[in-house]
Amino acid sequence: MHQHVIHSKQQVRSMRRGESLFPPIIVNFITGRTMIFHDAEGGSIRVAEDVTAEDANAIWIRRQFKQRVFNGDAQYQIASSSGSTYTVTLQNARWSCTCAGFGFRKRCRHLEQAKQQHK
């Protein structure tokens, strides 16, 4: 990384979008403001003082990951519209979700989204 280069708000907003489970974060160090990435490449860049978390989030794509468990079972981490993340599980041919809606109705949007990914 070229730590001596300070990226402007416009340069940050025009960067390629990166997919990861967590958004980039901006940290103020004594040596300057830095944006840290959590994608497969990792790394960090120096950014201007006016670069905000909103700018960092603009280049972030939330990764929806699927974790295989065993015997065809699977788990999915599904983001809700409110920003929460719920775990949808397929185990022994039965679906479940950790959201309150599933607890009441035994169905929810997260479950339907996981079923689409499972196909």
Protein backbone atom coordinates (compact mmCIF):
# COMPACT_ATOMS: atom_id res chain seq x y z
CA MET A 1 0.00 0.00 0.00
CA HIS A 2 1.09 3.55 -0.68
CA GLN A 3 0.46 5.04 2.76
CA HIS A 4 1.81 8.47 1.75
CA VAL A 5 -1.03 9.02 -0.77
CA ILE A 6 -4.12 10.60 0.77
CA HIS A 7 -7.31 9.68 -1.09
CA SER A 8 -10.02 12.33 -1.46
CA LYS A 9 -13.74 11.81 -0.88
CA GLN A 10 -14.24 11.69 -4.68
CA GLN A 11 -11.47 9.11 -5.12
CA VAL A 12 -12.94 6.91 -2.37
CA ARG A 13 -16.43 7.13 -3.89
CA SER A 14 -15.08 6.05 -7.31
CA MET A 15 -13.20 2.97 -6.02
CA ARG A 16 -14.28 -0.50 -7.10
CA ARG A 17 -16.96 -1.95 -4.86
CA GLY A 18 -15.66 -4.64 -2.49
CA GLU A 19 -17.66 -7.57 -1.15
CA SER A 20 -17.18 -8.57 2.49
CA LEU A 21 -19.13 -9.47 5.61
CA PHE A 22 -18.14 -6.20 7.28
CA PRO A 23 -17.98 -2.67 5.87
CA PRO A 24 -14.71 -0.76 5.66
CA ILE A 25 -14.01 1.28 8.78
CA ILE A 26 -12.36 4.66 9.16
CA VAL A 27 -9.88 5.08 11.97
CA ASN A 28 -8.15 8.28 13.09
CA PHE A 29 -4.52 7.53 13.91
CA ILE A 30 -1.94 10.05 15.05
CA THR A 31 -0.36 9.68 11.61
CA GLY A 32 -3.65 10.42 9.82
CA ARG A 33 -7.09 9.13 8.86
CA THR A 34 -7.13 5.55 7.51
CA MET A 35 -9.82 3.36 5.92
CA ILE A 36 -9.41 -0.35 6.66
CA PHE A 37 -10.91 -3.02 4.40
CA HIS A 38 -12.24 -6.41 5.51
CA ASP A 39 -12.42 -8.11 2.12
CA ALA A 40 -10.23 -11.01 0.95
CA GLU A 41 -7.46 -8.60 -0.03
CA GLY A 42 -7.64 -6.67 3.24
CA GLY A 43 -5.39 -3.67 3.55
CA SER A 44 -5.90 0.00 4.20
CA ILE A 45 -5.54 3.39 2.55
CA ARG A 46 -5.01 6.91 3.87
CA VAL A 47 -8.05 9.10 3.34
CA ALA A 48 -8.80 12.82 3.60
CA GLU A 49 -10.38 14.28 6.74
CA ASP A 50 -13.75 14.78 5.01
CA VAL A 51 -14.16 11.07 4.08
CA THR A 52 -17.01 9.62 6.17
CA ALA A 53 -18.38 6.20 7.07
CA GLU A 54 -21.12 6.88 4.50
CA ASP A 55 -18.43 7.19 1.80
CA ALA A 56 -16.88 3.90 2.94
CA ASN A 57 -20.27 2.16 2.90
CA ALA A 58 -20.90 3.42 -0.65
CA ILE A 59 -18.14 1.12 -1.96
CA TRP A 60 -19.13 -1.89 0.15
CA ILE A 61 -21.23 -4.88 -0.95
CA ARG A 62 -22.52 -7.02 1.92
CA ARG A 63 -21.50 -10.64 1.35
CA GLN A 64 -24.31 -13.15 1.85
CA PHE A 65 -22.46 -16.27 2.78
CA LYS A 66 -23.58 -19.86 2.85
CA GLN A 67 -21.97 -22.29 5.25
CA ARG A 68 -22.50 -25.98 4.60
CA VAL A 69 -23.01 -27.95 7.79
CA PHE A 70 -23.55 -31.68 7.10
CA ASN A 71 -25.86 -34.14 5.30
CA GLY A 72 -27.21 -31.46 2.94
CA ASP A 73 -27.90 -29.11 5.84
CA ALA A 74 -26.92 -25.45 5.47
CA GLN A 75 -26.79 -22.13 7.31
CA TYR A 76 -27.22 -18.68 5.77
CA GLN A 77 -26.55 -15.24 7.25
CA ILE A 78 -29.29 -12.99 5.84
CA ALA A 79 -29.32 -9.22 6.31
CA SER A 80 -32.66 -7.64 7.16
CA SER A 81 -33.92 -4.32 5.83
CA SER A 82 -33.21 -2.80 9.28
CA GLY A 83 -29.54 -3.80 9.12
CA SER A 84 -29.75 -6.77 11.50
CA THR A 85 -28.41 -10.15 10.42
CA TYR A 86 -30.36 -13.36 11.01
CA THR A 87 -29.26 -16.97 10.74
CA VAL A 88 -31.46 -19.19 8.58
CA THR A 89 -30.79 -22.90 9.04
CA LEU A 90 -31.77 -25.97 7.05
CA GLN A 91 -31.36 -28.98 9.29
CA ASN A 92 -32.92 -32.42 8.85
CA ALA A 93 -35.03 -31.03 5.97
CA ARG A 94 -36.55 -28.32 8.27
CA TRP A 95 -36.01 -24.59 7.88
CA SER A 96 -35.70 -22.13 10.77
CA CYS A 97 -34.75 -18.47 11.24
CA THR A 98 -33.56 -16.55 14.30
CA CYS A 99 -35.88 -13.57 13.63
CA ALA A 100 -38.94 -12.86 15.79
CA GLY A 101 -41.29 -13.15 12.81
CA PHE A 102 -40.32 -16.77 12.25
CA GLY A 103 -40.88 -17.42 15.96
CA PHE A 104 -44.48 -16.23 15.62
CA ARG A 105 -45.46 -17.31 12.10
CA LYS A 106 -42.91 -20.04 11.20
CA ARG A 107 -42.17 -18.10 7.97
CA CYS A 108 -40.35 -14.87 7.10
CA ARG A 109 -38.63 -12.97 4.26
CA HIS A 110 -35.20 -14.16 5.42
CA LEU A 111 -36.28 -17.78 5.05
CA GLU A 112 -37.54 -17.18 1.50
CA GLN A 113 -34.28 -15.43 0.57
CA ALA A 114 -32.23 -18.36 1.94
CA LYS A 115 -34.37 -20.84 0.04
CA GLN A 116 -33.66 -18.93 -3.20
CA GLN A 117 -29.91 -19.07 -2.48
CA HIS A 118 -30.12 -22.78 -1.63
CA LYS A 119 -31.45 -23.79 -5.05
